[in-house]
Amino acid sequence: MIKIIKKIVADHHKNWHNVFFNALWAYRVTPKASIGNSPFFLVCGKEAILPPNIFLPSLQLSQSLQEDECPTMQRKINTLIKLEKEREKTK
């Protein structure tokens, strides 16, 4: 994260505060090798759907579309179970 901040300040030294949120978002949605997932996934329980994924659906997006046949409550329970398993892996 420090490298990202240094690069932003160096590249945009007068208006770094305008682009900082984009860098912070990129950091949050990028999977980390140490934990095996992105921080966004560990907090929200699913990967972020980025603009390119809307046009070229990711596996996660296509699976969520297929799960629409599943009742809403069961889908939420399945998501919570999956999230708990992923959080346990990072400990």
PDB file of N, CA and C in Angstrom:
ATOM      1  N   MET A   1       0.828  -1.187   0.000  1.00  0.00           N
ATOM      2  CA  MET A   1       0.000   0.000   0.000  1.00  0.00           C
ATOM      3  C   MET A   1       0.874   1.253   0.000  1.00  0.00           C
ATOM      4  N   ILE A   2       1.982   1.203   0.686  1.00  0.00           N
ATOM      5  CA  ILE A   2       2.883   2.360   0.741  1.00  0.00           C
ATOM      6  C   ILE A   2       3.413   2.690  -0.650  1.00  0.00           C
ATOM      7  N   LYS A   3       3.741   1.659  -1.435  1.00  0.00           N
ATOM      8  CA  LYS A   3       4.235   1.894  -2.792  1.00  0.00           C
ATOM      9  C   LYS A   3       3.190   2.590  -3.644  1.00  0.00           C
ATOM     10  N   ILE A   4       1.935   2.202  -3.477  1.00  0.00           N
ATOM     11  CA  ILE A   4       0.848   2.818  -4.236  1.00  0.00           C
ATOM     12  C   ILE A   4       0.730   4.303  -3.873  1.00  0.00           C
ATOM     13  N   ILE A   5       0.780   4.599  -2.588  1.00  0.00           N
ATOM     14  CA  ILE A   5       0.668   5.995  -2.136  1.00  0.00           C
ATOM     15  C   ILE A   5       1.825   6.824  -2.670  1.00  0.00           C
ATOM     16  N   LYS A   6       3.047   6.289  -2.592  1.00  0.00           N
ATOM     17  CA  LYS A   6       4.216   7.010  -3.105  1.00  0.00           C
ATOM     18  C   LYS A   6       4.072   7.304  -4.593  1.00  0.00           C
ATOM     19  N   LYS A   7       3.609   6.320  -5.354  1.00  0.00           N
ATOM     20  CA  LYS A   7       3.459   6.495  -6.798  1.00  0.00           C
ATOM     21  C   LYS A   7       2.397   7.543  -7.111  1.00  0.00           C
ATOM     22  N   ILE A   8       1.299   7.525  -6.389  1.00  0.00           N
ATOM     23  CA  ILE A   8       0.238   8.508  -6.629  1.00  0.00           C
ATOM     24  C   ILE A   8       0.730   9.914  -6.344  1.00  0.00           C
ATOM     25  N   VAL A   9       1.401  10.101  -5.228  1.00  0.00           N
ATOM     26  CA  VAL A   9       1.895  11.421  -4.861  1.00  0.00           C
ATOM     27  C   VAL A   9       2.948  11.889  -5.860  1.00  0.00           C
ATOM     28  N   ALA A  10       3.806  10.971  -6.320  1.00  0.00           N
ATOM     29  CA  ALA A  10       4.837  11.345  -7.281  1.00  0.00           C
ATOM     30  C   ALA A  10       4.234  11.711  -8.638  1.00  0.00           C
ATOM     31  N   ASP A  11       3.246  10.945  -9.080  1.00  0.00           N
ATOM     32  CA  ASP A  11       2.648  11.182 -10.396  1.00  0.00           C
ATOM     33  C   ASP A  11       1.648  12.335 -10.401  1.00  0.00           C
ATOM     34  N   HIS A  12       0.981  12.553  -9.288  1.00  0.00           N
ATOM     35  CA  HIS A  12      -0.064  13.584  -9.202  1.00  0.00           C
ATOM     36  C   HIS A  12       0.166  14.445  -7.962  1.00  0.00           C
ATOM     37  N   HIS A  13       1.323  15.071  -7.879  1.00  0.00           N
ATOM     38  CA  HIS A  13       1.680  15.766  -6.643  1.00  0.00           C
ATOM     39  C   HIS A  13       0.769  16.947  -6.309  1.00  0.00           C
ATOM     40  N   LYS A  14       0.086  17.531  -7.286  1.00  0.00           N
ATOM     41  CA  LYS A  14      -0.804  18.654  -6.969  1.00  0.00           C
ATOM     42  C   LYS A  14      -2.229  18.210  -6.667  1.00  0.00           C
ATOM     43  N   ASN A  15      -2.664  17.116  -7.257  1.00  0.00           N
ATOM     44  CA  ASN A  15      -4.043  16.680  -7.035  1.00  0.00           C
ATOM     45  C   ASN A  15      -4.112  15.199  -6.666  1.00  0.00           C
ATOM     46  N   TRP A  16      -3.159  14.744  -5.848  1.00  0.00           N
ATOM     47  CA  TRP A  16      -3.122  13.342  -5.451  1.00  0.00           C
ATOM     48  C   TRP A  16      -4.388  12.932  -4.711  1.00  0.00           C
ATOM     49  N   HIS A  17      -4.996  13.865  -4.004  1.00  0.00           N
ATOM     50  CA  HIS A  17      -6.202  13.559  -3.240  1.00  0.00           C
ATOM     51  C   HIS A  17      -7.380  13.198  -4.146  1.00  0.00           C
ATOM     52  N   ASN A  18      -7.348  13.613  -5.410  1.00  0.00           N
ATOM     53  CA  ASN A  18      -8.425  13.282  -6.338  1.00  0.00           C
ATOM     54  C   ASN A  18      -8.316  11.851  -6.874  1.00  0.00           C
ATOM     55  N   VAL A  19      -7.116  11.316  -6.937  1.00  0.00           N
ATOM     56  CA  VAL A  19      -6.926   9.968  -7.482  1.00  0.00           C
ATOM     57  C   VAL A  19      -6.658   8.928  -6.395  1.00  0.00           C
ATOM     58  N   PHE A  20      -6.544   9.367  -5.160  1.00  0.00           N
ATOM     59  CA  PHE A  20      -6.241   8.439  -4.077  1.00  0.00           C
ATOM     60  C   PHE A  20      -7.319   7.379  -3.903  1.00  0.00           C
ATOM     61  N   PHE A  21      -8.582   7.765  -4.048  1.00  0.00           N
ATOM     62  CA  PHE A  21      -9.672   6.807  -3.849  1.00  0.00           C
ATOM     63  C   PHE A  21      -9.652   5.701  -4.902  1.00  0.00           C
ATOM     64  N   ASN A  22      -9.229   6.029  -6.116  1.00  0.00           N
ATOM     65  CA  ASN A  22      -9.106   4.993  -7.149  1.00  0.00           C
ATOM     66  C   ASN A  22      -8.023   3.986  -6.777  1.00  0.00           C
ATOM     67  N   ALA A  23      -6.921   4.470  -6.259  1.00  0.00           N
ATOM     68  CA  ALA A  23      -5.840   3.578  -5.843  1.00  0.00           C
ATOM     69  C   ALA A  23      -6.265   2.730  -4.646  1.00  0.00           C
ATOM     70  N   LEU A  24      -6.987   3.321  -3.739  1.00  0.00           N
ATOM     71  CA  LEU A  24      -7.478   2.590  -2.572  1.00  0.00           C
ATOM     72  C   LEU A  24      -8.455   1.495  -3.000  1.00  0.00           C
ATOM     73  N   TRP A  25      -9.323   1.798  -3.944  1.00  0.00           N
ATOM     74  CA  TRP A  25     -10.254   0.803  -4.475  1.00  0.00           C
ATOM     75  C   TRP A  25      -9.482  -0.339  -5.132  1.00  0.00           C
ATOM     76  N   ALA A  26      -8.475  -0.005  -5.932  1.00  0.00           N
ATOM     77  CA  ALA A  26      -7.674  -1.038  -6.599  1.00  0.00           C
ATOM     78  C   ALA A  26      -7.001  -1.938  -5.565  1.00  0.00           C
ATOM     79  N   TYR A  27      -6.496  -1.361  -4.504  1.00  0.00           N
ATOM     80  CA  TYR A  27      -5.866  -2.153  -3.451  1.00  0.00           C
ATOM     81  C   TYR A  27      -6.867  -3.089  -2.789  1.00  0.00           C
ATOM     82  N   ARG A  28      -8.081  -2.595  -2.550  1.00  0.00           N
ATOM     83  CA  ARG A  28      -9.088  -3.394  -1.847  1.00  0.00           C
ATOM     84  C   ARG A  28      -9.611  -4.566  -2.671  1.00  0.00           C
ATOM     85  N   VAL A  29      -9.658  -4.423  -3.996  1.00  0.00           N
ATOM     86  CA  VAL A  29     -10.234  -5.486  -4.824  1.00  0.00           C
ATOM     87  C   VAL A  29      -9.191  -6.419  -5.418  1.00  0.00           C
ATOM     88  N   THR A  30      -7.912  -6.153  -5.182  1.00  0.00           N
ATOM     89  CA  THR A  30      -6.847  -7.006  -5.698  1.00  0.00           C
ATOM     90  C   THR A  30      -6.592  -8.164  -4.735  1.00  0.00           C
ATOM     91  N   PRO A  31      -6.642  -9.407  -5.227  1.00  0.00           N
ATOM     92  CA  PRO A  31      -6.356 -10.553  -4.350  1.00  0.00           C
ATOM     93  C   PRO A  31      -4.923 -10.497  -3.810  1.00  0.00           C
ATOM     94  N   LYS A  32      -4.778 -10.815  -2.549  1.00  0.00           N
ATOM     95  CA  LYS A  32      -3.466 -10.834  -1.889  1.00  0.00           C
ATOM     96  C   LYS A  32      -3.004 -12.274  -1.744  1.00  0.00           C
ATOM     97  N   ALA A  33      -1.753 -12.539  -2.067  1.00  0.00           N
ATOM     98  CA  ALA A  33      -1.209 -13.899  -1.995  1.00  0.00           C
ATOM     99  C   ALA A  33      -1.207 -14.429  -0.567  1.00  0.00           C
ATOM    100  N   SER A  34      -0.977 -13.558   0.395  1.00  0.00           N
ATOM    101  CA  SER A  34      -0.871 -14.009   1.786  1.00  0.00           C
ATOM    102  C   SER A  34      -2.191 -14.527   2.344  1.00  0.00           C
ATOM    103  N   ILE A  35      -3.302 -13.969   1.885  1.00  0.00           N
ATOM    104  CA  ILE A  35      -4.602 -14.402   2.396  1.00  0.00           C
ATOM    105  C   ILE A  35      -5.422 -15.163   1.358  1.00  0.00           C
ATOM    106  N   GLY A  36      -4.985 -15.147   0.106  1.00  0.00           N
ATOM    107  CA  GLY A  36      -5.659 -15.906  -0.939  1.00  0.00           C
ATOM    108  C   GLY A  36      -6.893 -15.241  -1.509  1.00  0.00           C
ATOM    109  N   ASN A  37      -7.264 -14.092  -1.003  1.00  0.00           N
ATOM    110  CA  ASN A  37      -8.430 -13.358  -1.489  1.00  0.00           C
ATOM    111  C   ASN A  37      -8.162 -11.867  -1.386  1.00  0.00           C
ATOM    112  N   SER A  38      -9.103 -11.104  -1.895  1.00  0.00           N
ATOM    113  CA  SER A  38      -9.006  -9.655  -1.753  1.00  0.00           C
ATOM    114  C   SER A  38      -9.619  -9.226  -0.425  1.00  0.00           C
ATOM    115  N   PRO A  39      -9.185  -8.102   0.125  1.00  0.00           N
ATOM    116  CA  PRO A  39      -9.821  -7.591   1.342  1.00  0.00           C
ATOM    117  C   PRO A  39     -11.318  -7.350   1.137  1.00  0.00           C
ATOM    118  N   PHE A  40     -11.699  -6.926  -0.054  1.00  0.00           N
ATOM    119  CA  PHE A  40     -13.114  -6.706  -0.359  1.00  0.00           C
ATOM    120  C   PHE A  40     -13.910  -7.992  -0.181  1.00  0.00           C
ATOM    121  N   PHE A  41     -13.359  -9.111  -0.650  1.00  0.00           N
ATOM    122  CA  PHE A  41     -14.045 -10.388  -0.534  1.00  0.00           C
ATOM    123  C   PHE A  41     -14.216 -10.788   0.928  1.00  0.00           C
ATOM    124  N   LEU A  42     -13.190 -10.598   1.727  1.00  0.00           N
ATOM    125  CA  LEU A  42     -13.268 -10.987   3.131  1.00  0.00           C
ATOM    126  C   LEU A  42     -14.270 -10.142   3.912  1.00  0.00           C
ATOM    127  N   VAL A  43     -14.479  -8.905   3.492  1.00  0.00           N
ATOM    128  CA  VAL A  43     -15.439  -8.044   4.176  1.00  0.00           C
ATOM    129  C   VAL A  43     -16.857  -8.264   3.649  1.00  0.00           C
ATOM    130  N   CYS A  44     -17.003  -8.322   2.332  1.00  0.00           N
ATOM    131  CA  CYS A  44     -18.344  -8.356   1.726  1.00  0.00           C
ATOM    132  C   CYS A  44     -18.835  -9.753   1.380  1.00  0.00           C
ATOM    133  N   GLY A  45     -17.949 -10.712   1.312  1.00  0.00           N
ATOM    134  CA  GLY A  45     -18.371 -12.074   1.022  1.00  0.00           C
ATOM    135  C   GLY A  45     -18.479 -12.412  -0.441  1.00  0.00           C
ATOM    136  N   LYS A  46     -18.117 -11.486  -1.319  1.00  0.00           N
ATOM    137  CA  LYS A  46     -18.116 -11.758  -2.755  1.00  0.00           C
ATOM    138  C   LYS A  46     -17.118 -10.816  -3.415  1.00  0.00           C
ATOM    139  N   GLU A  47     -16.686 -11.203  -4.592  1.00  0.00           N
ATOM    140  CA  GLU A  47     -15.747 -10.360  -5.319  1.00  0.00           C
ATOM    141  C   GLU A  47     -16.479  -9.164  -5.901  1.00  0.00           C
ATOM    142  N   ALA A  48     -15.772  -8.074  -6.044  1.00  0.00           N
ATOM    143  CA  ALA A  48     -16.349  -6.887  -6.655  1.00  0.00           C
ATOM    144  C   ALA A  48     -16.555  -7.149  -8.146  1.00  0.00           C
ATOM    145  N   ILE A  49     -17.649  -6.665  -8.667  1.00  0.00           N
ATOM    146  CA  ILE A  49     -17.897  -6.777 -10.098  1.00  0.00           C
ATOM    147  C   ILE A  49     -17.417  -5.473 -10.727  1.00  0.00           C
ATOM    148  N   LEU A  50     -16.318  -5.575 -11.443  1.00  0.00           N
ATOM    149  CA  LEU A  50     -15.699  -4.418 -12.060  1.00  0.00           C
ATOM    150  C   LEU A  50     -16.346  -4.146 -13.415  1.00  0.00           C
ATOM    151  N   PRO A  51     -16.258  -2.936 -13.937  1.00  0.00           N
ATOM    152  CA  PRO A  51     -16.894  -2.612 -15.222  1.00  0.00           C
ATOM    153  C   PRO A  51     -16.567  -3.581 -16.367  1.00  0.00           C
ATOM    154  N   PRO A  52     -15.319  -4.043 -16.538  1.00  0.00           N
ATOM    155  CA  PRO A  52     -15.082  -5.017 -17.619  1.00  0.00           C
ATOM    156  C   PRO A  52     -15.839  -6.321 -17.415  1.00  0.00           C
ATOM    157  N   ASN A  53     -16.094  -6.699 -16.168  1.00  0.00           N
ATOM    158  CA  ASN A  53     -16.806  -7.943 -15.889  1.00  0.00           C
ATOM    159  C   ASN A  53     -18.286  -7.853 -16.247  1.00  0.00           C
ATOM    160  N   ILE A  54     -18.801  -6.658 -16.372  1.00  0.00           N
ATOM    161  CA  ILE A  54     -20.194  -6.513 -16.775  1.00  0.00           C
ATOM    162  C   ILE A  54     -20.349  -6.911 -18.245  1.00  0.00           C
ATOM    163  N   PHE A  55     -19.367  -6.530 -19.069  1.00  0.00           N
ATOM    164  CA  PHE A  55     -19.422  -6.841 -20.495  1.00  0.00           C
ATOM    165  C   PHE A  55     -18.903  -8.237 -20.791  1.00  0.00           C
ATOM    166  N   LEU A  56     -17.883  -8.670 -20.061  1.00  0.00           N
ATOM    167  CA  LEU A  56     -17.328 -10.016 -20.183  1.00  0.00           C
ATOM    168  C   LEU A  56     -17.507 -10.683 -18.829  1.00  0.00           C
ATOM    169  N   PRO A  57     -18.626 -11.347 -18.600  1.00  0.00           N
ATOM    170  CA  PRO A  57     -18.942 -11.852 -17.258  1.00  0.00           C
ATOM    171  C   PRO A  57     -17.860 -12.761 -16.683  1.00  0.00           C
ATOM    172  N   SER A  58     -17.560 -12.526 -15.421  1.00  0.00           N
ATOM    173  CA  SER A  58     -16.618 -13.370 -14.707  1.00  0.00           C
ATOM    174  C   SER A  58     -17.341 -14.633 -14.248  1.00  0.00           C
ATOM    175  N   LEU A  59     -16.580 -15.595 -13.774  1.00  0.00           N
ATOM    176  CA  LEU A  59     -17.171 -16.828 -13.258  1.00  0.00           C
ATOM    177  C   LEU A  59     -18.112 -16.522 -12.099  1.00  0.00           C
ATOM    178  N   GLN A  60     -17.697 -15.616 -11.219  1.00  0.00           N
ATOM    179  CA  GLN A  60     -18.518 -15.258 -10.060  1.00  0.00           C
ATOM    180  C   GLN A  60     -19.844 -14.648 -10.497  1.00  0.00           C
ATOM    181  N   LEU A  61     -19.835 -13.790 -11.519  1.00  0.00           N
ATOM    182  CA  LEU A  61     -21.062 -13.160 -11.994  1.00  0.00           C
ATOM    183  C   LEU A  61     -21.976 -14.184 -12.648  1.00  0.00           C
ATOM    184  N   SER A  62     -21.403 -15.067 -13.448  1.00  0.00           N
ATOM    185  CA  SER A  62     -22.242 -16.071 -14.111  1.00  0.00           C
ATOM    186  C   SER A  62     -22.827 -17.062 -13.105  1.00  0.00           C
ATOM    187  N   GLN A  63     -22.067 -17.394 -12.046  1.00  0.00           N
ATOM    188  CA  GLN A  63     -22.591 -18.283 -11.013  1.00  0.00           C
ATOM    189  C   GLN A  63     -23.727 -17.618 -10.252  1.00  0.00           C
ATOM    190  N   SER A  64     -23.597 -16.321  -9.991  1.00  0.00           N
ATOM    191  CA  SER A  64     -24.665 -15.634  -9.260  1.00  0.00           C
ATOM    192  C   SER A  64     -25.930 -15.554 -10.104  1.00  0.00           C
ATOM    193  N   LEU A  65     -25.773 -15.456 -11.416  1.00  0.00           N
ATOM    194  CA  LEU A  65     -26.951 -15.451 -12.284  1.00  0.00           C
ATOM    195  C   LEU A  65     -27.622 -16.817 -12.298  1.00  0.00           C
ATOM    196  N   GLN A  66     -26.823 -17.887 -12.230  1.00  0.00           N
ATOM    197  CA  GLN A  66     -27.379 -19.236 -12.205  1.00  0.00           C
ATOM    198  C   GLN A  66     -28.055 -19.528 -10.872  1.00  0.00           C
ATOM    199  N   GLU A  67     -27.570 -18.924  -9.806  1.00  0.00           N
ATOM    200  CA  GLU A  67     -28.132 -19.163  -8.479  1.00  0.00           C
ATOM    201  C   GLU A  67     -29.469 -18.462  -8.283  1.00  0.00           C
ATOM    202  N   ASP A  68     -29.902 -17.675  -9.269  1.00  0.00           N
ATOM    203  CA  ASP A  68     -31.183 -16.991  -9.129  1.00  0.00           C
ATOM    204  C   ASP A  68     -32.347 -17.976  -9.044  1.00  0.00           C
ATOM    205  N   GLU A  69     -32.116 -19.205  -9.495  1.00  0.00           N
ATOM    206  CA  GLU A  69     -33.136 -20.239  -9.372  1.00  0.00           C
ATOM    207  C   GLU A  69     -33.275 -20.700  -7.926  1.00  0.00           C
ATOM    208  N   CYS A  70     -32.228 -20.504  -7.126  1.00  0.00           N
ATOM    209  CA  CYS A  70     -32.195 -20.900  -5.724  1.00  0.00           C
ATOM    210  C   CYS A  70     -32.984 -19.873  -4.896  1.00  0.00           C
ATOM    211  N   PRO A  71     -33.744 -20.317  -3.917  1.00  0.00           N
ATOM    212  CA  PRO A  71     -34.467 -19.356  -3.066  1.00  0.00           C
ATOM    213  C   PRO A  71     -33.502 -18.360  -2.414  1.00  0.00           C
ATOM    214  N   THR A  72     -33.966 -17.161  -2.226  1.00  0.00           N
ATOM    215  CA  THR A  72     -33.128 -16.075  -1.718  1.00  0.00           C
ATOM    216  C   THR A  72     -32.498 -16.401  -0.370  1.00  0.00           C
ATOM    217  N   MET A  73     -33.252 -16.918   0.563  1.00  0.00           N
ATOM    218  CA  MET A  73     -32.715 -17.203   1.889  1.00  0.00           C
ATOM    219  C   MET A  73     -31.637 -18.274   1.824  1.00  0.00           C
ATOM    220  N   GLN A  74     -31.843 -19.321   1.043  1.00  0.00           N
ATOM    221  CA  GLN A  74     -30.847 -20.382   0.920  1.00  0.00           C
ATOM    222  C   GLN A  74     -29.571 -19.842   0.282  1.00  0.00           C
ATOM    223  N   ARG A  75     -29.700 -18.961  -0.698  1.00  0.00           N
ATOM    224  CA  ARG A  75     -28.534 -18.364  -1.355  1.00  0.00           C
ATOM    225  C   ARG A  75     -27.732 -17.543  -0.347  1.00  0.00           C
ATOM    226  N   LYS A  76     -28.414 -16.793   0.511  1.00  0.00           N
ATOM    227  CA  LYS A  76     -27.718 -15.998   1.529  1.00  0.00           C
ATOM    228  C   LYS A  76     -27.004 -16.892   2.534  1.00  0.00           C
ATOM    229  N   ILE A  77     -27.642 -17.977   2.920  1.00  0.00           N
ATOM    230  CA  ILE A  77     -27.014 -18.931   3.843  1.00  0.00           C
ATOM    231  C   ILE A  77     -25.779 -19.535   3.204  1.00  0.00           C
ATOM    232  N   ASN A  78     -25.882 -19.936   1.945  1.00  0.00           N
ATOM    233  CA  ASN A  78     -24.731 -20.503   1.231  1.00  0.00           C
ATOM    234  C   ASN A  78     -23.588 -19.503   1.132  1.00  0.00           C
ATOM    235  N   THR A  79     -23.923 -18.241   0.898  1.00  0.00           N
ATOM    236  CA  THR A  79     -22.897 -17.197   0.817  1.00  0.00           C
ATOM    237  C   THR A  79     -22.201 -17.013   2.156  1.00  0.00           C
ATOM    238  N   LEU A  80     -22.947 -17.018   3.238  1.00  0.00           N
ATOM    239  CA  LEU A  80     -22.354 -16.869   4.570  1.00  0.00           C
ATOM    240  C   LEU A  80     -21.456 -18.051   4.925  1.00  0.00           C
ATOM    241  N   ILE A  81     -21.872 -19.250   4.553  1.00  0.00           N
ATOM    242  CA  ILE A  81     -21.049 -20.438   4.814  1.00  0.00           C
ATOM    243  C   ILE A  81     -19.749 -20.360   4.030  1.00  0.00           C
ATOM    244  N   LYS A  82     -19.845 -19.978   2.767  1.00  0.00           N
ATOM    245  CA  LYS A  82     -18.649 -19.854   1.923  1.00  0.00           C
ATOM    246  C   LYS A  82     -17.703 -18.788   2.474  1.00  0.00           C
ATOM    247  N   LEU A  83     -18.266 -17.659   2.896  1.00  0.00           N
ATOM    248  CA  LEU A  83     -17.449 -16.585   3.450  1.00  0.00           C
ATOM    249  C   LEU A  83     -16.742 -17.027   4.719  1.00  0.00           C
ATOM    250  N   GLU A  84     -17.437 -17.732   5.579  1.00  0.00           N
ATOM    251  CA  GLU A  84     -16.827 -18.223   6.822  1.00  0.00           C
ATOM    252  C   GLU A  84     -15.674 -19.167   6.527  1.00  0.00           C
ATOM    253  N   LYS A  85     -15.837 -20.044   5.537  1.00  0.00           N
ATOM    254  CA  LYS A  85     -14.762 -20.963   5.151  1.00  0.00           C
ATOM    255  C   LYS A  85     -13.551 -20.208   4.650  1.00  0.00           C
ATOM    256  N   GLU A  86     -13.784 -19.186   3.838  1.00  0.00           N
ATOM    257  CA  GLU A  86     -12.683 -18.387   3.284  1.00  0.00           C
ATOM    258  C   GLU A  86     -11.976 -17.610   4.395  1.00  0.00           C
ATOM    259  N   ARG A  87     -12.711 -17.092   5.354  1.00  0.00           N
ATOM    260  CA  ARG A  87     -12.095 -16.374   6.475  1.00  0.00           C
ATOM    261  C   ARG A  87     -11.273 -17.318   7.341  1.00  0.00           C
ATOM    262  N   GLU A  88     -11.745 -18.552   7.526  1.00  0.00           N
ATOM    263  CA  GLU A  88     -11.001 -19.535   8.310  1.00  0.00           C
ATOM    264  C   GLU A  88      -9.675 -19.879   7.634  1.00  0.00           C
ATOM    265  N   LYS A  89      -9.652 -19.901   6.316  1.00  0.00           N
ATOM    266  CA  LYS A  89      -8.409 -20.197   5.581  1.00  0.00           C
ATOM    267  C   LYS A  89      -7.343 -19.162   5.840  1.00  0.00           C
ATOM    268  N   THR A  90      -7.751 -17.909   6.077  1.00  0.00           N
ATOM    269  CA  THR A  90      -6.781 -16.828   6.230  1.00  0.00           C
ATOM    270  C   THR A  90      -6.180 -16.768   7.633  1.00  0.00           C
ATOM    271  N   LYS A  91      -6.722 -17.507   8.576  1.00  0.00           N
ATOM    272  CA  LYS A  91      -6.198 -17.464   9.953  1.00  0.00           C
ATOM    273  C   LYS A  91      -4.941 -18.268  10.086  1.00  0.00           C
TER     274      LYS A  91
END
